Structure formats: structure tokens, C-alpha cells
Amino acid sequence: MVRHNLNIAMIGYGKMGKTVEKAALARKHHISLIIDNDTDWQIKGNKLNGCDIAIEFTTPETASENIRRCFDAGVPVVSGTTGWFNDLPGIKKLCLAKKQTLFYASNFSIGVNIFFALNKKLAGMVAEMDGYQPRIIETHHAEKLDAPSGTAITLAKDIIDARRSLDQWGDASEKLPANVLPVKSYRIENITGTHVVSYNSVIDNLEIRHTAHNRSGFAEGAILAAEWVHNKEGIFTMQDMLNL
């Protein structure tokens, strides 16, 4: 892949946005625009169309509108915000209608996306073994706004797709019927992110785990996505980029 030096718009400038900025600069890209709130949109929003790509890490409440603004400006967008995926069908339809570009992921970490592939494989292998009961536990820093995490929801959906006895996921803190996959969320200070998928039986337990040590893996993955999707049109995910 030929890597171009990109003029990047950062949409969202919290901890994740600042980490993405460092990763972009380390790979010789330029941060041409930073938008972090409505005032920034009003003052600097017209500069968006001078950027090669936008990388969006904001909040579930603002992500969809941010993406629409990027489409209106004709700027490809890489979105790492989670918790807004109920709006995804409409955003996809708009992206295709406007012939724009969207690369979205519940997690940009290369390791997590390998973890997704392992989860799918394990879910298929254990699907018909009723003695093994699946469960997901995810732990993140206290500032994370959505629970469960987008990563946990992706893991849950892939398990449900493979297992006929399950048709939805639910909060493991509550008593759940047999058709609901338990997902437990914890919010603890100074925890970047840990996801555990376990299959428990009276005989033994199976477990796969991913633990992030810092945010740099997510940031580097987002920059790789921006480089990969540059000059492409359509809707893409990490599975497309990594050919998983």
C-alpha cells in the first residue's frame, strides 16, 4: 500500500483524539483541523472540505451528525465512536446515496479484530454444545460513556449468530432467561479495556481474553484505516482492511 501524507481533520479532541493525533504525526500526516464542540463547528466547520479525511472519536449523541457533516463536505470519515450504531442503517443509506466514504469500527485495535475472529471461530465450535454456557465480561475506564462497550456488543452478536439457543444479549447483573447471553460491564479508574469471553460447564471452562495496555493500539489502527480507505468510496470495516 502506497502511503500518502494526509491532511486530517480530528473530530473530537478528548483523550482518544489526542492519542490519534500523536499517531498521525508519527506517521508524517498533518492535522489540518480540530473540531471538538459546536462552537468549533460554527467557527471552523467550513475548513473541513480542505481535508483529505476526517477521524471521528466523539460521543454516541453527536457521532451521527458529525458523520453527516463530513458527507456534506465530501470528506471521507473514519469513525471510532461507539454507542450510536442504532443510526447505522440510515448513515449507510446516506453514504451510498451521496457516494461518500465511511470506515467504522467498534474497535480499531488490530489485536481486538484478531480477537473478534477467534471469538467467531470459538462460537461456531461450541455452538451445539449445550453444556457450555457463554458469558462476556468487559472492563473499561470510568470515563467511558457507553456500557456495554461496542466491542462487547460485537462479540455478543457474533456468539448469538452462531448459537441457535440465544437470540439477544442482556445485563448479567439481572436474572436472565436461557435465551439471553449475559454481558457484564465494569467501569474502573485507569483501566484501558479488557474483554473476556468464557464458556463455562460443570466439567471445565474455556476462556479467551484481550487486554489493552494503553490507547495507542486503537489510535494506530485508526490511522491505518485512514491510510487504507483514502481514495476509496463506500462503506468499510476492519474486516475489510485486515481481510479477516
C-alpha atoms as a PDB file:
ATOM      1  CA  MET A   1       0.000   0.000   0.000  1.00  0.00           C
ATOM      2  CA  VAL A   2       1.339   3.381  -1.021  1.00  0.00           C
ATOM      3  CA  ARG A   3       1.016   5.736   1.927  1.00  0.00           C
ATOM      4  CA  HIS A   4       0.208   9.368   1.239  1.00  0.00           C
ATOM      5  CA  ASN A   5       0.722  12.196   3.687  1.00  0.00           C
ATOM      6  CA  LEU A   6      -2.849  13.041   4.621  1.00  0.00           C
ATOM      7  CA  ASN A   7      -4.410  16.300   5.745  1.00  0.00           C
ATOM      8  CA  ILE A   8      -6.533  15.028   8.629  1.00  0.00           C
ATOM      9  CA  ALA A   9      -9.489  16.625  10.388  1.00  0.00           C
ATOM     10  CA  MET A  10      -9.773  15.496  14.004  1.00  0.00           C
ATOM     11  CA  ILE A  11     -13.437  15.430  15.043  1.00  0.00           C
ATOM     12  CA  GLY A  12     -13.288  15.058  18.806  1.00  0.00           C
ATOM     13  CA  TYR A  13     -10.251  16.009  20.844  1.00  0.00           C
ATOM     14  CA  GLY A  14     -10.538  14.100  24.086  1.00  0.00           C
ATOM     15  CA  LYS A  15      -8.048  11.511  25.331  1.00  0.00           C
ATOM     16  CA  MET A  16      -8.614   9.288  22.310  1.00  0.00           C
ATOM     17  CA  GLY A  17      -8.440  12.174  19.851  1.00  0.00           C
ATOM     18  CA  LYS A  18      -5.151  13.377  21.290  1.00  0.00           C
ATOM     19  CA  THR A  19      -3.718   9.855  21.087  1.00  0.00           C
ATOM     20  CA  VAL A  20      -4.817   9.590  17.444  1.00  0.00           C
ATOM     21  CA  GLU A  21      -3.161  12.950  16.764  1.00  0.00           C
ATOM     22  CA  LYS A  22       0.172  11.655  18.120  1.00  0.00           C
ATOM     23  CA  ALA A  23      -0.085   8.513  15.991  1.00  0.00           C
ATOM     24  CA  ALA A  24      -0.888  10.583  12.889  1.00  0.00           C
ATOM     25  CA  LEU A  25       2.058  12.927  13.396  1.00  0.00           C
ATOM     26  CA  ALA A  26       4.383   9.969  13.997  1.00  0.00           C
ATOM     27  CA  ARG A  27       3.409   8.676  10.537  1.00  0.00           C
ATOM     28  CA  LYS A  28       4.099  12.097   8.938  1.00  0.00           C
ATOM     29  CA  HIS A  29       0.480  13.135   8.443  1.00  0.00           C
ATOM     30  CA  HIS A  30      -0.827  16.648   9.062  1.00  0.00           C
ATOM     31  CA  ILE A  31      -3.587  17.657  11.472  1.00  0.00           C
ATOM     32  CA  SER A  32      -5.254  20.371   9.426  1.00  0.00           C
ATOM     33  CA  LEU A  33      -8.364  20.880  11.553  1.00  0.00           C
ATOM     34  CA  ILE A  34      -9.513  20.099  15.099  1.00  0.00           C
ATOM     35  CA  ILE A  35     -13.215  20.256  15.957  1.00  0.00           C
ATOM     36  CA  ASP A  36     -14.255  19.434  19.497  1.00  0.00           C
ATOM     37  CA  ASN A  37     -17.616  21.153  20.077  1.00  0.00           C
ATOM     38  CA  ASP A  38     -20.463  23.086  18.454  1.00  0.00           C
ATOM     39  CA  THR A  39     -18.560  26.366  18.644  1.00  0.00           C
ATOM     40  CA  ASP A  40     -15.692  24.810  16.679  1.00  0.00           C
ATOM     41  CA  TRP A  41     -18.179  23.657  14.033  1.00  0.00           C
ATOM     42  CA  GLN A  42     -19.553  27.181  13.733  1.00  0.00           C
ATOM     43  CA  ILE A  43     -16.151  28.858  13.554  1.00  0.00           C
ATOM     44  CA  LYS A  44     -14.057  26.290  11.654  1.00  0.00           C
ATOM     45  CA  GLY A  45     -16.534  23.877  10.060  1.00  0.00           C
ATOM     46  CA  ASN A  46     -16.130  25.437   6.616  1.00  0.00           C
ATOM     47  CA  LYS A  47     -12.480  24.340   6.589  1.00  0.00           C
ATOM     48  CA  LEU A  48     -13.474  20.669   6.610  1.00  0.00           C
ATOM     49  CA  ASN A  49     -13.683  20.410   2.820  1.00  0.00           C
ATOM     50  CA  GLY A  50      -9.966  21.189   2.602  1.00  0.00           C
ATOM     51  CA  CYS A  51      -9.087  17.956   4.401  1.00  0.00           C
ATOM     52  CA  ASP A  52      -8.345  14.562   2.878  1.00  0.00           C
ATOM     53  CA  ILE A  53     -10.101  12.613   5.613  1.00  0.00           C
ATOM     54  CA  ALA A  54     -11.805  13.072   8.989  1.00  0.00           C
ATOM     55  CA  ILE A  55     -11.187  10.848  12.008  1.00  0.00           C
ATOM     56  CA  GLU A  56     -14.118  10.979  14.401  1.00  0.00           C
ATOM     57  CA  PHE A  57     -13.947   9.959  18.085  1.00  0.00           C
ATOM     58  CA  THR A  58     -16.728  11.801  19.903  1.00  0.00           C
ATOM     59  CA  THR A  59     -19.884  10.742  21.769  1.00  0.00           C
ATOM     60  CA  PRO A  60     -22.856   8.498  20.930  1.00  0.00           C
ATOM     61  CA  GLU A  61     -25.105  11.583  20.886  1.00  0.00           C
ATOM     62  CA  THR A  62     -23.040  13.557  18.344  1.00  0.00           C
ATOM     63  CA  ALA A  63     -21.424  10.921  16.107  1.00  0.00           C
ATOM     64  CA  SER A  64     -24.203  10.616  13.520  1.00  0.00           C
ATOM     65  CA  GLU A  65     -24.428  14.370  12.961  1.00  0.00           C
ATOM     66  CA  ASN A  66     -20.640  14.630  12.728  1.00  0.00           C
ATOM     67  CA  ILE A  67     -20.592  11.938  10.055  1.00  0.00           C
ATOM     68  CA  ARG A  68     -23.379  13.666   8.111  1.00  0.00           C
ATOM     69  CA  ARG A  69     -21.402  16.904   8.171  1.00  0.00           C
ATOM     70  CA  CYS A  70     -18.384  15.096   6.752  1.00  0.00           C
ATOM     71  CA  PHE A  71     -20.538  13.637   3.965  1.00  0.00           C
ATOM     72  CA  ASP A  72     -21.920  17.104   3.188  1.00  0.00           C
ATOM     73  CA  ALA A  73     -18.351  18.386   2.869  1.00  0.00           C
ATOM     74  CA  GLY A  74     -17.372  15.474   0.623  1.00  0.00           C
ATOM     75  CA  VAL A  75     -14.781  14.253   3.131  1.00  0.00           C
ATOM     76  CA  PRO A  76     -14.263  10.538   3.878  1.00  0.00           C
ATOM     77  CA  VAL A  77     -14.771   9.740   7.545  1.00  0.00           C
ATOM     78  CA  VAL A  78     -13.226   7.148   9.844  1.00  0.00           C
ATOM     79  CA  SER A  79     -15.414   6.787  12.942  1.00  0.00           C
ATOM     80  CA  GLY A  80     -14.376   5.053  16.133  1.00  0.00           C
ATOM     81  CA  THR A  81     -17.255   6.279  18.293  1.00  0.00           C
ATOM     82  CA  THR A  82     -19.468   3.542  19.727  1.00  0.00           C
ATOM     83  CA  GLY A  83     -22.989   3.586  21.131  1.00  0.00           C
ATOM     84  CA  TRP A  84     -24.560   5.196  18.024  1.00  0.00           C
ATOM     85  CA  PHE A  85     -24.996   2.110  15.866  1.00  0.00           C
ATOM     86  CA  ASN A  86     -28.808   2.253  16.001  1.00  0.00           C
ATOM     87  CA  ASP A  87     -28.358   5.076  13.486  1.00  0.00           C
ATOM     88  CA  LEU A  88     -26.031   2.994  11.303  1.00  0.00           C
ATOM     89  CA  PRO A  89     -28.644   1.825   8.715  1.00  0.00           C
ATOM     90  CA  GLY A  90     -29.594   5.420   7.957  1.00  0.00           C
ATOM     91  CA  ILE A  91     -25.974   6.551   7.833  1.00  0.00           C
ATOM     92  CA  LYS A  92     -25.098   3.712   5.457  1.00  0.00           C
ATOM     93  CA  LYS A  93     -28.000   4.625   3.180  1.00  0.00           C
ATOM     94  CA  LEU A  94     -26.923   8.275   3.163  1.00  0.00           C
ATOM     95  CA  CYS A  95     -23.298   7.340   2.488  1.00  0.00           C
ATOM     96  CA  LEU A  96     -24.227   5.310  -0.581  1.00  0.00           C
ATOM     97  CA  ALA A  97     -26.718   7.911  -1.847  1.00  0.00           C
ATOM     98  CA  LYS A  98     -24.106  10.676  -1.630  1.00  0.00           C
ATOM     99  CA  LYS A  99     -21.326   8.406  -2.957  1.00  0.00           C
ATOM    100  CA  GLN A 100     -19.258   9.104   0.127  1.00  0.00           C
ATOM    101  CA  THR A 101     -16.913   7.024   2.280  1.00  0.00           C
ATOM    102  CA  LEU A 102     -17.410   5.628   5.783  1.00  0.00           C
ATOM    103  CA  PHE A 103     -14.991   3.413   7.662  1.00  0.00           C
ATOM    104  CA  TYR A 104     -16.418   2.478  11.039  1.00  0.00           C
ATOM    105  CA  ALA A 105     -15.370   0.077  13.758  1.00  0.00           C
ATOM    106  CA  SER A 106     -16.364  -0.739  17.313  1.00  0.00           C
ATOM    107  CA  ASN A 107     -12.636  -1.138  17.947  1.00  0.00           C
ATOM    108  CA  PHE A 108      -9.643  -0.195  15.767  1.00  0.00           C
ATOM    109  CA  SER A 109      -7.105  -2.326  17.621  1.00  0.00           C
ATOM    110  CA  ILE A 110      -5.504  -4.925  15.347  1.00  0.00           C
ATOM    111  CA  GLY A 111      -5.358  -7.304  18.317  1.00  0.00           C
ATOM    112  CA  VAL A 112      -9.051  -6.857  19.087  1.00  0.00           C
ATOM    113  CA  ASN A 113     -10.010  -7.589  15.499  1.00  0.00           C
ATOM    114  CA  ILE A 114      -7.996 -10.810  15.642  1.00  0.00           C
ATOM    115  CA  PHE A 115      -9.874 -11.437  18.902  1.00  0.00           C
ATOM    116  CA  PHE A 116     -13.163 -10.933  17.016  1.00  0.00           C
ATOM    117  CA  ALA A 117     -12.103 -13.597  14.501  1.00  0.00           C
ATOM    118  CA  LEU A 118     -11.152 -16.003  17.307  1.00  0.00           C
ATOM    119  CA  ASN A 119     -14.486 -15.330  19.017  1.00  0.00           C
ATOM    120  CA  LYS A 120     -16.406 -16.215  15.845  1.00  0.00           C
ATOM    121  CA  LYS A 121     -14.389 -19.405  15.415  1.00  0.00           C
ATOM    122  CA  LEU A 122     -14.854 -20.489  19.024  1.00  0.00           C
ATOM    123  CA  ALA A 123     -18.566 -19.623  18.963  1.00  0.00           C
ATOM    124  CA  GLY A 124     -19.044 -21.872  15.954  1.00  0.00           C
ATOM    125  CA  MET A 125     -17.125 -24.743  17.541  1.00  0.00           C
ATOM    126  CA  VAL A 126     -19.103 -24.616  20.807  1.00  0.00           C
ATOM    127  CA  ALA A 127     -22.480 -23.684  19.296  1.00  0.00           C
ATOM    128  CA  GLU A 128     -24.142 -27.099  19.608  1.00  0.00           C
ATOM    129  CA  MET A 129     -22.581 -27.999  22.963  1.00  0.00           C
ATOM    130  CA  ASP A 130     -25.370 -27.125  25.383  1.00  0.00           C
ATOM    131  CA  GLY A 131     -23.223 -27.889  28.412  1.00  0.00           C
ATOM    132  CA  TYR A 132     -21.105 -24.787  27.792  1.00  0.00           C
ATOM    133  CA  GLN A 133     -22.772 -21.514  28.753  1.00  0.00           C
ATOM    134  CA  PRO A 134     -21.262 -18.363  27.196  1.00  0.00           C
ATOM    135  CA  ARG A 135     -20.716 -15.114  29.059  1.00  0.00           C
ATOM    136  CA  ILE A 136     -18.957 -11.814  28.296  1.00  0.00           C
ATOM    137  CA  ILE A 137     -17.278  -9.538  30.827  1.00  0.00           C
ATOM    138  CA  GLU A 138     -15.865  -6.154  29.809  1.00  0.00           C
ATOM    139  CA  THR A 139     -13.991  -3.640  31.954  1.00  0.00           C
ATOM    140  CA  HIS A 140     -13.117  -0.060  30.967  1.00  0.00           C
ATOM    141  CA  HIS A 141     -12.041   3.245  32.456  1.00  0.00           C
ATOM    142  CA  ALA A 142     -14.626   5.181  34.444  1.00  0.00           C
ATOM    143  CA  GLU A 143     -14.889   7.917  31.774  1.00  0.00           C
ATOM    144  CA  LYS A 144     -16.250   5.554  29.108  1.00  0.00           C
ATOM    145  CA  LEU A 145     -19.798   6.714  28.381  1.00  0.00           C
ATOM    146  CA  ASP A 146     -21.409   3.608  26.876  1.00  0.00           C
ATOM    147  CA  ALA A 147     -21.936   0.265  28.588  1.00  0.00           C
ATOM    148  CA  PRO A 148     -21.586  -2.396  27.442  1.00  0.00           C
ATOM    149  CA  SER A 149     -18.785  -1.379  25.123  1.00  0.00           C
ATOM    150  CA  GLY A 150     -19.184  -1.516  21.369  1.00  0.00           C
ATOM    151  CA  THR A 151     -16.557  -4.252  21.358  1.00  0.00           C
ATOM    152  CA  ALA A 152     -18.585  -6.349  23.802  1.00  0.00           C
ATOM    153  CA  ILE A 153     -21.706  -5.888  21.682  1.00  0.00           C
ATOM    154  CA  THR A 154     -19.825  -7.043  18.577  1.00  0.00           C
ATOM    155  CA  LEU A 155     -18.602 -10.119  20.465  1.00  0.00           C
ATOM    156  CA  ALA A 156     -22.135 -10.805  21.718  1.00  0.00           C
ATOM    157  CA  LYS A 157     -23.726 -10.513  18.275  1.00  0.00           C
ATOM    158  CA  ASP A 158     -21.241 -12.975  16.792  1.00  0.00           C
ATOM    159  CA  ILE A 159     -21.942 -15.509  19.564  1.00  0.00           C
ATOM    160  CA  ILE A 160     -25.709 -15.098  19.128  1.00  0.00           C
ATOM    161  CA  ASP A 161     -25.402 -15.560  15.360  1.00  0.00           C
ATOM    162  CA  ALA A 162     -23.632 -18.876  15.939  1.00  0.00           C
ATOM    163  CA  ARG A 163     -25.843 -20.245  18.738  1.00  0.00           C
ATOM    164  CA  ARG A 164     -29.475 -21.100  17.976  1.00  0.00           C
ATOM    165  CA  SER A 165     -30.440 -21.143  21.664  1.00  0.00           C
ATOM    166  CA  LEU A 166     -29.632 -17.424  22.026  1.00  0.00           C
ATOM    167  CA  ASP A 167     -31.448 -14.520  20.393  1.00  0.00           C
ATOM    168  CA  GLN A 168     -30.316 -11.463  22.383  1.00  0.00           C
ATOM    169  CA  TRP A 169     -27.865 -10.222  24.992  1.00  0.00           C
ATOM    170  CA  GLY A 170     -28.660  -8.682  28.347  1.00  0.00           C
ATOM    171  CA  ASP A 171     -27.194  -7.212  31.527  1.00  0.00           C
ATOM    172  CA  ALA A 172     -25.638 -10.011  33.564  1.00  0.00           C
ATOM    173  CA  SER A 173     -26.439  -8.090  36.739  1.00  0.00           C
ATOM    174  CA  GLU A 174     -30.056  -9.148  36.277  1.00  0.00           C
ATOM    175  CA  LYS A 175     -31.633 -12.603  36.269  1.00  0.00           C
ATOM    176  CA  LEU A 176     -31.802 -13.567  32.593  1.00  0.00           C
ATOM    177  CA  PRO A 177     -33.774 -16.246  30.735  1.00  0.00           C
ATOM    178  CA  ALA A 178     -31.920 -19.031  28.898  1.00  0.00           C
ATOM    179  CA  ASN A 179     -32.223 -17.311  25.506  1.00  0.00           C
ATOM    180  CA  VAL A 180     -30.276 -14.223  26.644  1.00  0.00           C
ATOM    181  CA  LEU A 181     -26.474 -14.005  26.567  1.00  0.00           C
ATOM    182  CA  PRO A 182     -25.148 -12.436  29.803  1.00  0.00           C
ATOM    183  CA  VAL A 183     -22.894  -9.399  29.337  1.00  0.00           C
ATOM    184  CA  LYS A 184     -21.354  -7.784  32.410  1.00  0.00           C
ATOM    185  CA  SER A 185     -19.785  -4.295  32.383  1.00  0.00           C
ATOM    186  CA  TYR A 186     -17.433  -2.742  34.918  1.00  0.00           C
ATOM    187  CA  ARG A 187     -16.159   0.846  34.993  1.00  0.00           C
ATOM    188  CA  ILE A 188     -12.933   1.259  36.979  1.00  0.00           C
ATOM    189  CA  GLU A 189     -10.351   4.047  37.104  1.00  0.00           C
ATOM    190  CA  ASN A 190      -7.242   3.673  34.920  1.00  0.00           C
ATOM    191  CA  ILE A 191      -8.387   0.572  33.016  1.00  0.00           C
ATOM    192  CA  THR A 192      -7.914   0.943  29.254  1.00  0.00           C
ATOM    193  CA  GLY A 193     -10.047  -2.032  28.270  1.00  0.00           C
ATOM    194  CA  THR A 194     -10.369  -5.758  28.925  1.00  0.00           C
ATOM    195  CA  HIS A 195     -12.794  -8.189  27.272  1.00  0.00           C
ATOM    196  CA  VAL A 196     -13.290 -11.786  28.352  1.00  0.00           C
ATOM    197  CA  VAL A 197     -15.436 -14.379  26.585  1.00  0.00           C
ATOM    198  CA  SER A 198     -15.959 -17.526  28.627  1.00  0.00           C
ATOM    199  CA  TYR A 199     -17.789 -20.819  28.164  1.00  0.00           C
ATOM    200  CA  ASN A 200     -18.489 -22.463  31.487  1.00  0.00           C
ATOM    201  CA  SER A 201     -19.599 -26.033  32.167  1.00  0.00           C
ATOM    202  CA  VAL A 202     -19.679 -28.358  35.179  1.00  0.00           C
ATOM    203  CA  ILE A 203     -16.577 -30.075  33.751  1.00  0.00           C
ATOM    204  CA  ASP A 204     -14.355 -27.164  32.731  1.00  0.00           C
ATOM    205  CA  ASN A 205     -14.184 -23.585  31.471  1.00  0.00           C
ATOM    206  CA  LEU A 206     -12.975 -22.164  28.164  1.00  0.00           C
ATOM    207  CA  GLU A 207     -11.858 -18.545  28.014  1.00  0.00           C
ATOM    208  CA  ILE A 208     -10.399 -16.077  25.541  1.00  0.00           C
ATOM    209  CA  ARG A 209      -9.279 -12.632  26.670  1.00  0.00           C
ATOM    210  CA  HIS A 210      -7.998  -9.388  25.216  1.00  0.00           C
ATOM    211  CA  THR A 211      -6.366  -6.784  27.454  1.00  0.00           C
ATOM    212  CA  ALA A 212      -5.350  -3.368  26.111  1.00  0.00           C
ATOM    213  CA  HIS A 213      -2.388  -1.801  27.918  1.00  0.00           C
ATOM    214  CA  ASN A 214      -2.952   1.690  26.505  1.00  0.00           C
ATOM    215  CA  ARG A 215      -4.833   3.582  23.796  1.00  0.00           C
ATOM    216  CA  SER A 216      -2.010   3.542  21.241  1.00  0.00           C
ATOM    217  CA  GLY A 217      -3.221   0.338  19.565  1.00  0.00           C
ATOM    218  CA  PHE A 218      -6.632   1.891  18.896  1.00  0.00           C
ATOM    219  CA  ALA A 219      -5.039   5.096  17.607  1.00  0.00           C
ATOM    220  CA  GLU A 220      -2.592   3.343  15.286  1.00  0.00           C
ATOM    221  CA  GLY A 221      -5.415   1.209  13.919  1.00  0.00           C
ATOM    222  CA  ALA A 222      -7.464   4.325  13.166  1.00  0.00           C
ATOM    223  CA  ILE A 223      -4.551   5.876  11.273  1.00  0.00           C
ATOM    224  CA  LEU A 224      -4.008   2.661   9.311  1.00  0.00           C
ATOM    225  CA  ALA A 225      -7.718   2.730   8.460  1.00  0.00           C
ATOM    226  CA  ALA A 226      -7.455   6.328   7.252  1.00  0.00           C
ATOM    227  CA  GLU A 227      -4.494   5.432   5.047  1.00  0.00           C
ATOM    228  CA  TRP A 228      -6.211   2.317   3.690  1.00  0.00           C
ATOM    229  CA  VAL A 229      -9.565   3.952   2.918  1.00  0.00           C
ATOM    230  CA  HIS A 230      -8.051   7.041   1.269  1.00  0.00           C
ATOM    231  CA  ASN A 231      -9.377   7.358  -2.320  1.00  0.00           C
ATOM    232  CA  LYS A 232     -11.926   4.559  -1.785  1.00  0.00           C
ATOM    233  CA  GLU A 233     -15.702   5.019  -1.975  1.00  0.00           C
ATOM    234  CA  GLY A 234     -18.260   3.066   0.039  1.00  0.00           C
ATOM    235  CA  ILE A 235     -18.646   1.507   3.475  1.00  0.00           C
ATOM    236  CA  PHE A 236     -15.803  -0.396   5.122  1.00  0.00           C
ATOM    237  CA  THR A 237     -14.819  -2.042   8.401  1.00  0.00           C
ATOM    238  CA  MET A 238     -11.691  -3.526   9.928  1.00  0.00           C
ATOM    239  CA  GLN A 239     -12.670  -6.899   8.497  1.00  0.00           C
ATOM    240  CA  ASP A 240     -12.274  -5.418   5.010  1.00  0.00           C
ATOM    241  CA  MET A 241      -8.905  -3.852   5.778  1.00  0.00           C
ATOM    242  CA  LEU A 242      -7.457  -6.904   7.539  1.00  0.00           C
ATOM    243  CA  ASN A 243      -9.152  -9.417   5.206  1.00  0.00           C
ATOM    244  CA  LEU A 244     -10.417 -11.413   8.211  1.00  0.00           C
END
